[in-house]
PDB file of N, CA and C in Angstrom:
ATOM      1  N   LEU A   1     -65.650   1.687 -10.542  1.00  0.00           N
ATOM      2  CA  LEU A   1     -65.739   2.840 -11.399  1.00  0.00           C
ATOM      3  C   LEU A   1     -64.981   2.565 -12.686  1.00  0.00           C
ATOM      4  N   PHE A   2     -65.500   3.092 -13.768  1.00  0.00           N
ATOM      5  CA  PHE A   2     -64.833   2.984 -15.050  1.00  0.00           C
ATOM      6  C   PHE A   2     -64.272   4.348 -15.420  1.00  0.00           C
ATOM      7  N   ALA A   3     -63.066   4.367 -15.967  1.00  0.00           N
ATOM      8  CA  ALA A   3     -62.426   5.627 -16.336  1.00  0.00           C
ATOM      9  C   ALA A   3     -61.797   5.500 -17.707  1.00  0.00           C
ATOM     10  N   ASP A   4     -61.688   6.618 -18.386  1.00  0.00           N
ATOM     11  CA  ASP A   4     -61.047   6.688 -19.684  1.00  0.00           C
ATOM     12  C   ASP A   4     -59.537   6.656 -19.484  1.00  0.00           C
ATOM     13  N   GLY A   5     -58.802   6.234 -20.479  1.00  0.00           N
ATOM     14  CA  GLY A   5     -57.356   6.158 -20.384  1.00  0.00           C
ATOM     15  C   GLY A   5     -56.682   7.519 -20.292  1.00  0.00           C
ATOM     16  N   ALA A   6     -57.409   8.602 -20.591  1.00  0.00           N
ATOM     17  CA  ALA A   6     -56.819   9.937 -20.593  1.00  0.00           C
ATOM     18  C   ALA A   6     -56.730  10.568 -19.207  1.00  0.00           C
ATOM     19  N   TYR A   7     -57.388   9.999 -18.205  1.00  0.00           N
ATOM     20  CA  TYR A   7     -57.369  10.602 -16.874  1.00  0.00           C
ATOM     21  C   TYR A   7     -56.001  10.464 -16.225  1.00  0.00           C
ATOM     22  N   ASP A   8     -55.705  11.391 -15.325  1.00  0.00           N
ATOM     23  CA  ASP A   8     -54.446  11.379 -14.576  1.00  0.00           C
ATOM     24  C   ASP A   8     -54.448  10.162 -13.658  1.00  0.00           C
ATOM     25  N   ARG A   9     -53.682   9.175 -14.007  1.00  0.00           N
ATOM     26  CA  ARG A   9     -53.725   7.883 -13.317  1.00  0.00           C
ATOM     27  C   ARG A   9     -53.337   7.994 -11.843  1.00  0.00           C
ATOM     28  N   GLY A  10     -52.305   8.733 -11.526  1.00  0.00           N
ATOM     29  CA  GLY A  10     -51.843   8.832 -10.143  1.00  0.00           C
ATOM     30  C   GLY A  10     -52.881   9.463  -9.231  1.00  0.00           C
ATOM     31  N   ARG A  11     -53.414  10.579  -9.642  1.00  0.00           N
ATOM     32  CA  ARG A  11     -54.414  11.275  -8.820  1.00  0.00           C
ATOM     33  C   ARG A  11     -55.700  10.457  -8.720  1.00  0.00           C
ATOM     34  N   LEU A  12     -56.122   9.872  -9.831  1.00  0.00           N
ATOM     35  CA  LEU A  12     -57.346   9.078  -9.846  1.00  0.00           C
ATOM     36  C   LEU A  12     -57.230   7.869  -8.924  1.00  0.00           C
ATOM     37  N   MET A  13     -56.119   7.174  -8.989  1.00  0.00           N
ATOM     38  CA  MET A  13     -55.931   5.985  -8.159  1.00  0.00           C
ATOM     39  C   MET A  13     -55.831   6.336  -6.678  1.00  0.00           C
ATOM     40  N   SER A  14     -55.192   7.458  -6.344  1.00  0.00           N
ATOM     41  CA  SER A  14     -55.084   7.824  -4.935  1.00  0.00           C
ATOM     42  C   SER A  14     -56.451   8.213  -4.366  1.00  0.00           C
ATOM     43  N   GLU A  15     -57.250   8.946  -5.147  1.00  0.00           N
ATOM     44  CA  GLU A  15     -58.608   9.297  -4.703  1.00  0.00           C
ATOM     45  C   GLU A  15     -59.473   8.049  -4.557  1.00  0.00           C
ATOM     46  N   ALA A  16     -59.336   7.121  -5.486  1.00  0.00           N
ATOM     47  CA  ALA A  16     -60.128   5.894  -5.434  1.00  0.00           C
ATOM     48  C   ALA A  16     -59.749   5.054  -4.206  1.00  0.00           C
ATOM     49  N   ALA A  17     -58.464   4.968  -3.919  1.00  0.00           N
ATOM     50  CA  ALA A  17     -58.019   4.210  -2.750  1.00  0.00           C
ATOM     51  C   ALA A  17     -58.529   4.857  -1.464  1.00  0.00           C
ATOM     52  N   TYR A  18     -58.533   6.183  -1.421  1.00  0.00           N
ATOM     53  CA  TYR A  18     -59.015   6.905  -0.248  1.00  0.00           C
ATOM     54  C   TYR A  18     -60.495   6.623   0.001  1.00  0.00           C
ATOM     55  N   ARG A  19     -61.270   6.510  -1.072  1.00  0.00           N
ATOM     56  CA  ARG A  19     -62.717   6.306  -0.948  1.00  0.00           C
ATOM     57  C   ARG A  19     -63.128   4.842  -1.072  1.00  0.00           C
ATOM     58  N   ASP A  20     -62.181   3.920  -1.108  1.00  0.00           N
ATOM     59  CA  ASP A  20     -62.427   2.475  -1.232  1.00  0.00           C
ATOM     60  C   ASP A  20     -63.201   2.113  -2.497  1.00  0.00           C
ATOM     61  N   PHE A  21     -62.841   2.720  -3.629  1.00  0.00           N
ATOM     62  CA  PHE A  21     -63.421   2.383  -4.925  1.00  0.00           C
ATOM     63  C   PHE A  21     -62.435   1.527  -5.700  1.00  0.00           C
ATOM     64  N   VAL A  22     -62.950   0.751  -6.612  1.00  0.00           N
ATOM     65  CA  VAL A  22     -62.118  -0.018  -7.529  1.00  0.00           C
ATOM     66  C   VAL A  22     -62.245   0.632  -8.901  1.00  0.00           C
ATOM     67  N   ILE A  23     -61.121   0.936  -9.517  1.00  0.00           N
ATOM     68  CA  ILE A  23     -61.099   1.622 -10.807  1.00  0.00           C
ATOM     69  C   ILE A  23     -60.740   0.629 -11.899  1.00  0.00           C
ATOM     70  N   GLU A  24     -61.480   0.691 -13.010  1.00  0.00           N
ATOM     71  CA  GLU A  24     -61.127  -0.078 -14.195  1.00  0.00           C
ATOM     72  C   GLU A  24     -60.922   0.921 -15.325  1.00  0.00           C
ATOM     73  N   ILE A  25     -59.699   0.962 -15.866  1.00  0.00           N
ATOM     74  CA  ILE A  25     -59.366   1.867 -16.961  1.00  0.00           C
ATOM     75  C   ILE A  25     -59.764   1.190 -18.271  1.00  0.00           C
ATOM     76  N   VAL A  26     -60.604   1.866 -19.054  1.00  0.00           N
ATOM     77  CA  VAL A  26     -61.039   1.342 -20.344  1.00  0.00           C
ATOM     78  C   VAL A  26     -60.129   1.930 -21.409  1.00  0.00           C
ATOM     79  N   ARG A  27     -59.395   1.062 -22.107  1.00  0.00           N
ATOM     80  CA  ARG A  27     -58.429   1.515 -23.102  1.00  0.00           C
ATOM     81  C   ARG A  27     -58.752   0.922 -24.474  1.00  0.00           C
ATOM     82  N   LYS A  28     -58.198   1.565 -25.500  1.00  0.00           N
ATOM     83  CA  LYS A  28     -58.306   1.026 -26.853  1.00  0.00           C
ATOM     84  C   LYS A  28     -57.481  -0.247 -26.964  1.00  0.00           C
ATOM     85  N   LEU A  29     -57.877  -1.110 -27.880  1.00  0.00           N
ATOM     86  CA  LEU A  29     -57.071  -2.288 -28.176  1.00  0.00           C
ATOM     87  C   LEU A  29     -55.826  -1.847 -28.946  1.00  0.00           C
ATOM     88  N   PRO A  30     -54.690  -2.505 -28.742  1.00  0.00           N
ATOM     89  CA  PRO A  30     -53.448  -2.052 -29.406  1.00  0.00           C
ATOM     90  C   PRO A  30     -53.535  -2.078 -30.936  1.00  0.00           C
ATOM     91  N   ASP A  31     -54.263  -3.023 -31.498  1.00  0.00           N
ATOM     92  CA  ASP A  31     -54.338  -3.145 -32.952  1.00  0.00           C
ATOM     93  C   ASP A  31     -55.605  -2.503 -33.535  1.00  0.00           C
ATOM     94  N   GLN A  32     -56.291  -1.712 -32.756  1.00  0.00           N
ATOM     95  CA  GLN A  32     -57.561  -1.107 -33.180  1.00  0.00           C
ATOM     96  C   GLN A  32     -57.323   0.008 -34.194  1.00  0.00           C
ATOM     97  N   GLN A  33     -58.114  -0.015 -35.275  1.00  0.00           N
ATOM     98  CA  GLN A  33     -58.064   1.037 -36.273  1.00  0.00           C
ATOM     99  C   GLN A  33     -59.473   1.552 -36.485  1.00  0.00           C
ATOM    100  N   GLY A  34     -59.640   2.847 -36.532  1.00  0.00           N
ATOM    101  CA  GLY A  34     -60.958   3.428 -36.728  1.00  0.00           C
ATOM    102  C   GLY A  34     -61.780   3.381 -35.457  1.00  0.00           C
ATOM    103  N   PHE A  35     -63.083   3.669 -35.618  1.00  0.00           N
ATOM    104  CA  PHE A  35     -63.976   3.695 -34.454  1.00  0.00           C
ATOM    105  C   PHE A  35     -64.412   2.294 -34.078  1.00  0.00           C
ATOM    106  N   GLN A  36     -64.407   2.046 -32.783  1.00  0.00           N
ATOM    107  CA  GLN A  36     -64.924   0.795 -32.243  1.00  0.00           C
ATOM    108  C   GLN A  36     -65.439   1.109 -30.841  1.00  0.00           C
ATOM    109  N   ALA A  37     -66.655   0.661 -30.558  1.00  0.00           N
ATOM    110  CA  ALA A  37     -67.239   0.942 -29.239  1.00  0.00           C
ATOM    111  C   ALA A  37     -66.432   0.234 -28.160  1.00  0.00           C
ATOM    112  N   LEU A  38     -66.057   0.993 -27.136  1.00  0.00           N
ATOM    113  CA  LEU A  38     -65.291   0.435 -26.029  1.00  0.00           C
ATOM    114  C   LEU A  38     -66.250  -0.126 -24.988  1.00  0.00           C
ATOM    115  N   PRO A  39     -65.843  -1.174 -24.284  1.00  0.00           N
ATOM    116  CA  PRO A  39     -66.737  -1.760 -23.283  1.00  0.00           C
ATOM    117  C   PRO A  39     -67.043  -0.780 -22.158  1.00  0.00           C
ATOM    118  N   ARG A  40     -68.302  -0.741 -21.741  1.00  0.00           N
ATOM    119  CA  ARG A  40     -68.815   0.072 -20.640  1.00  0.00           C
ATOM    120  C   ARG A  40     -68.758   1.572 -20.912  1.00  0.00           C
ATOM    121  N   ARG A  41     -68.275   1.994 -22.066  1.00  0.00           N
ATOM    122  CA  ARG A  41     -68.218   3.417 -22.387  1.00  0.00           C
ATOM    123  C   ARG A  41     -69.623   3.981 -22.573  1.00  0.00           C
ATOM    124  N   TRP A  42     -70.532   3.168 -23.083  1.00  0.00           N
ATOM    125  CA  TRP A  42     -71.901   3.604 -23.322  1.00  0.00           C
ATOM    126  C   TRP A  42     -72.589   4.004 -22.027  1.00  0.00           C
ATOM    127  N   VAL A  43     -72.208   3.420 -20.898  1.00  0.00           N
ATOM    128  CA  VAL A  43     -72.816   3.759 -19.610  1.00  0.00           C
ATOM    129  C   VAL A  43     -72.521   5.216 -19.271  1.00  0.00           C
ATOM    130  N   VAL A  44     -71.306   5.634 -19.487  1.00  0.00           N
ATOM    131  CA  VAL A  44     -70.912   7.012 -19.203  1.00  0.00           C
ATOM    132  C   VAL A  44     -71.639   7.969 -20.139  1.00  0.00           C
ATOM    133  N   GLU A  45     -71.669   7.649 -21.425  1.00  0.00           N
ATOM    134  CA  GLU A  45     -72.322   8.522 -22.398  1.00  0.00           C
ATOM    135  C   GLU A  45     -73.821   8.624 -22.133  1.00  0.00           C
ATOM    136  N   ARG A  46     -74.458   7.532 -21.742  1.00  0.00           N
ATOM    137  CA  ARG A  46     -75.880   7.546 -21.421  1.00  0.00           C
ATOM    138  C   ARG A  46     -76.140   8.435 -20.207  1.00  0.00           C
ATOM    139  N   THR A  47     -75.295   8.348 -19.195  1.00  0.00           N
ATOM    140  CA  THR A  47     -75.452   9.160 -17.997  1.00  0.00           C
ATOM    141  C   THR A  47     -75.299  10.644 -18.320  1.00  0.00           C
ATOM    142  N   PHE A  48     -74.318  10.998 -19.168  1.00  0.00           N
ATOM    143  CA  PHE A  48     -74.170  12.394 -19.591  1.00  0.00           C
ATOM    144  C   PHE A  48     -75.416  12.865 -20.327  1.00  0.00           C
ATOM    145  N   GLY A  49     -76.003  11.997 -21.144  1.00  0.00           N
ATOM    146  CA  GLY A  49     -77.236  12.344 -21.843  1.00  0.00           C
ATOM    147  C   GLY A  49     -78.376  12.621 -20.884  1.00  0.00           C
ATOM    148  N   TRP A  50     -78.497  11.815 -19.852  1.00  0.00           N
ATOM    149  CA  TRP A  50     -79.539  12.031 -18.847  1.00  0.00           C
ATOM    150  C   TRP A  50     -79.319  13.367 -18.131  1.00  0.00           C
ATOM    151  N   MET A  51     -78.079  13.672 -17.805  1.00  0.00           N
ATOM    152  CA  MET A  51     -77.798  14.909 -17.074  1.00  0.00           C
ATOM    153  C   MET A  51     -78.064  16.147 -17.923  1.00  0.00           C
ATOM    154  N   THR A  52     -77.861  16.069 -19.235  1.00  0.00           N
ATOM    155  CA  THR A  52     -78.064  17.251 -20.065  1.00  0.00           C
ATOM    156  C   THR A  52     -79.542  17.554 -20.295  1.00  0.00           C
ATOM    157  N   ARG A  53     -80.439  16.717 -19.821  1.00  0.00           N
ATOM    158  CA  ARG A  53     -81.861  17.064 -19.848  1.00  0.00           C
ATOM    159  C   ARG A  53     -82.146  18.225 -18.893  1.00  0.00           C
ATOM    160  N   TRP A  54     -81.283  18.415 -17.909  1.00  0.00           N
ATOM    161  CA  TRP A  54     -81.399  19.556 -17.002  1.00  0.00           C
ATOM    162  C   TRP A  54     -80.670  20.713 -17.660  1.00  0.00           C
ATOM    163  N   ARG A  55     -81.423  21.749 -17.983  1.00  0.00           N
ATOM    164  CA  ARG A  55     -80.881  22.872 -18.733  1.00  0.00           C
ATOM    165  C   ARG A  55     -79.665  23.498 -18.048  1.00  0.00           C
ATOM    166  N   ARG A  56     -79.672  23.513 -16.744  1.00  0.00           N
ATOM    167  CA  ARG A  56     -78.580  24.145 -15.996  1.00  0.00           C
ATOM    168  C   ARG A  56     -77.277  23.355 -16.105  1.00  0.00           C
ATOM    169  N   LEU A  57     -77.364  22.082 -16.469  1.00  0.00           N
ATOM    170  CA  LEU A  57     -76.160  21.260 -16.584  1.00  0.00           C
ATOM    171  C   LEU A  57     -75.628  21.183 -18.011  1.00  0.00           C
ATOM    172  N   VAL A  58     -76.321  21.791 -18.968  1.00  0.00           N
ATOM    173  CA  VAL A  58     -75.863  21.753 -20.354  1.00  0.00           C
ATOM    174  C   VAL A  58     -74.559  22.530 -20.503  1.00  0.00           C
ATOM    175  N   ARG A  59     -74.480  23.661 -19.855  1.00  0.00           N
ATOM    176  CA  ARG A  59     -73.261  24.488 -19.864  1.00  0.00           C
ATOM    177  C   ARG A  59     -72.779  24.647 -18.424  1.00  0.00           C
ATOM    178  N   ASP A  60     -71.536  25.023 -18.290  1.00  0.00           N
ATOM    179  CA  ASP A  60     -70.969  25.213 -16.962  1.00  0.00           C
ATOM    180  C   ASP A  60     -71.195  26.660 -16.532  1.00  0.00           C
ATOM    181  N   TYR A  61     -72.371  26.918 -15.953  1.00  0.00           N
ATOM    182  CA  TYR A  61     -72.728  28.269 -15.518  1.00  0.00           C
ATOM    183  C   TYR A  61     -72.221  28.587 -14.112  1.00  0.00           C
ATOM    184  N   GLU A  62     -71.984  27.582 -13.322  1.00  0.00           N
ATOM    185  CA  GLU A  62     -71.674  27.790 -11.912  1.00  0.00           C
ATOM    186  C   GLU A  62     -70.246  28.304 -11.714  1.00  0.00           C
ATOM    187  N   GLU A  63     -70.074  29.146 -10.709  1.00  0.00           N
ATOM    188  CA  GLU A  63     -68.749  29.660 -10.383  1.00  0.00           C
ATOM    189  C   GLU A  63     -68.019  28.757  -9.393  1.00  0.00           C
ATOM    190  N   HIS A  64     -68.766  27.956  -8.635  1.00  0.00           N
ATOM    191  CA  HIS A  64     -68.162  27.095  -7.622  1.00  0.00           C
ATOM    192  C   HIS A  64     -68.448  25.626  -7.949  1.00  0.00           C
ATOM    193  N   CYS A  65     -67.438  24.792  -7.755  1.00  0.00           N
ATOM    194  CA  CYS A  65     -67.579  23.367  -8.069  1.00  0.00           C
ATOM    195  C   CYS A  65     -68.612  22.685  -7.194  1.00  0.00           C
ATOM    196  N   ASP A  66     -68.746  23.118  -5.940  1.00  0.00           N
ATOM    197  CA  ASP A  66     -69.701  22.462  -5.052  1.00  0.00           C
ATOM    198  C   ASP A  66     -71.145  22.686  -5.508  1.00  0.00           C
ATOM    199  N   VAL A  67     -71.426  23.817  -6.139  1.00  0.00           N
ATOM    200  CA  VAL A  67     -72.769  24.064  -6.669  1.00  0.00           C
ATOM    201  C   VAL A  67     -73.030  23.160  -7.870  1.00  0.00           C
ATOM    202  N   SER A  68     -72.033  23.001  -8.739  1.00  0.00           N
ATOM    203  CA  SER A  68     -72.174  22.088  -9.880  1.00  0.00           C
ATOM    204  C   SER A  68     -72.403  20.661  -9.405  1.00  0.00           C
ATOM    205  N   GLU A  69     -71.653  20.250  -8.399  1.00  0.00           N
ATOM    206  CA  GLU A  69     -71.808  18.901  -7.853  1.00  0.00           C
ATOM    207  C   GLU A  69     -73.200  18.717  -7.254  1.00  0.00           C
ATOM    208  N   ALA A  70     -73.693  19.730  -6.579  1.00  0.00           N
ATOM    209  CA  ALA A  70     -75.036  19.658  -5.994  1.00  0.00           C
ATOM    210  C   ALA A  70     -76.099  19.551  -7.083  1.00  0.00           C
ATOM    211  N   MET A  71     -75.931  20.287  -8.182  1.00  0.00           N
ATOM    212  CA  MET A  71     -76.903  20.220  -9.277  1.00  0.00           C
ATOM    213  C   MET A  71     -76.890  18.853  -9.950  1.00  0.00           C
ATOM    214  N   ILE A  72     -75.738  18.238 -10.056  1.00  0.00           N
ATOM    215  CA  ILE A  72     -75.663  16.873 -10.601  1.00  0.00           C
ATOM    216  C   ILE A  72     -76.389  15.922  -9.666  1.00  0.00           C
ATOM    217  N   GLY A  73     -76.202  16.091  -8.365  1.00  0.00           N
ATOM    218  CA  GLY A  73     -76.919  15.257  -7.398  1.00  0.00           C
ATOM    219  C   GLY A  73     -78.425  15.436  -7.487  1.00  0.00           C
ATOM    220  N   VAL A  74     -78.885  16.660  -7.659  1.00  0.00           N
ATOM    221  CA  VAL A  74     -80.319  16.931  -7.790  1.00  0.00           C
ATOM    222  C   VAL A  74     -80.862  16.292  -9.061  1.00  0.00           C
ATOM    223  N   ALA A  75     -80.145  16.434 -10.166  1.00  0.00           N
ATOM    224  CA  ALA A  75     -80.605  15.873 -11.437  1.00  0.00           C
ATOM    225  C   ALA A  75     -80.695  14.351 -11.376  1.00  0.00           C
ATOM    226  N   MET A  76     -79.683  13.710 -10.838  1.00  0.00           N
ATOM    227  CA  MET A  76     -79.687  12.244 -10.792  1.00  0.00           C
ATOM    228  C   MET A  76     -80.690  11.733  -9.755  1.00  0.00           C
ATOM    229  N   SER A  77     -80.880  12.474  -8.666  1.00  0.00           N
ATOM    230  CA  SER A  77     -81.894  12.090  -7.676  1.00  0.00           C
ATOM    231  C   SER A  77     -83.295  12.197  -8.266  1.00  0.00           C
ATOM    232  N   SER A  78     -83.525  13.225  -9.047  1.00  0.00           N
ATOM    233  CA  SER A  78     -84.818  13.392  -9.702  1.00  0.00           C
ATOM    234  C   SER A  78     -85.090  12.245 -10.667  1.00  0.00           C
ATOM    235  N   LEU A  79     -84.071  11.855 -11.417  1.00  0.00           N
ATOM    236  CA  LEU A  79     -84.211  10.723 -12.335  1.00  0.00           C
ATOM    237  C   LEU A  79     -84.551   9.449 -11.575  1.00  0.00           C
ATOM    238  N   MET A  80     -83.849   9.205 -10.473  1.00  0.00           N
ATOM    239  CA  MET A  80     -84.089   8.008  -9.681  1.00  0.00           C
ATOM    240  C   MET A  80     -85.485   8.018  -9.067  1.00  0.00           C
ATOM    241  N   LEU A  81     -85.915   9.155  -8.534  1.00  0.00           N
ATOM    242  CA  LEU A  81     -87.255   9.255  -7.947  1.00  0.00           C
ATOM    243  C   LEU A  81     -88.348   9.045  -8.991  1.00  0.00           C
ATOM    244  N   ARG A  82     -88.142   9.584 -10.176  1.00  0.00           N
ATOM    245  CA  ARG A  82     -89.125   9.409 -11.252  1.00  0.00           C
ATOM    246  C   ARG A  82     -89.250   7.937 -11.633  1.00  0.00           C
ATOM    247  N   ARG A  83     -88.135   7.241 -11.666  1.00  0.00           N
ATOM    248  CA  ARG A  83     -88.179   5.816 -12.005  1.00  0.00           C
ATOM    249  C   ARG A  83     -88.796   4.969 -10.905  1.00  0.00           C
ATOM    250  N   ILE A  84     -88.587   5.350  -9.663  1.00  0.00           N
ATOM    251  CA  ILE A  84     -89.197   4.606  -8.556  1.00  0.00           C
ATOM    252  C   ILE A  84     -90.695   4.845  -8.509  1.00  0.00           C
ATOM    253  N   ALA A  85     -91.125   6.094  -8.737  1.00  0.00           N
ATOM    254  CA  ALA A  85     -92.543   6.454  -8.639  1.00  0.00           C
ATOM    255  C   ALA A  85     -93.356   5.926  -9.818  1.00  0.00           C
ATOM    256  N   HIS A  86     -92.735   5.806 -10.987  1.00  0.00           N
ATOM    257  CA  HIS A  86     -93.438   5.369 -12.198  1.00  0.00           C
ATOM    258  C   HIS A  86     -92.719   4.188 -12.826  1.00  0.00           C
ATOM    259  N   PRO A  87     -92.843   3.009 -12.226  1.00  0.00           N
ATOM    260  CA  PRO A  87     -92.095   1.844 -12.752  1.00  0.00           C
ATOM    261  C   PRO A  87     -92.606   1.361 -14.091  1.00  0.00           C
TER     262      PRO A  87
END
């Protein structure tokens, strides 16, 4: 998994260890000035773009987190099924 440097490192690492994931924190270069594309950041932004095609995921309408998580699963499953059915 790739994560931004702004995430809570302690909580993120403990959850990742519990689920047997490997986390790679993507950080800015120390001497970086201005905008520069970070490695693997485009993957996250592309995925968010795919999810916002589902109108219900554009805004946070849900009152419960489990419903939001289920809608993300439905949206990404639909994307995967569409790609498998129409290669």
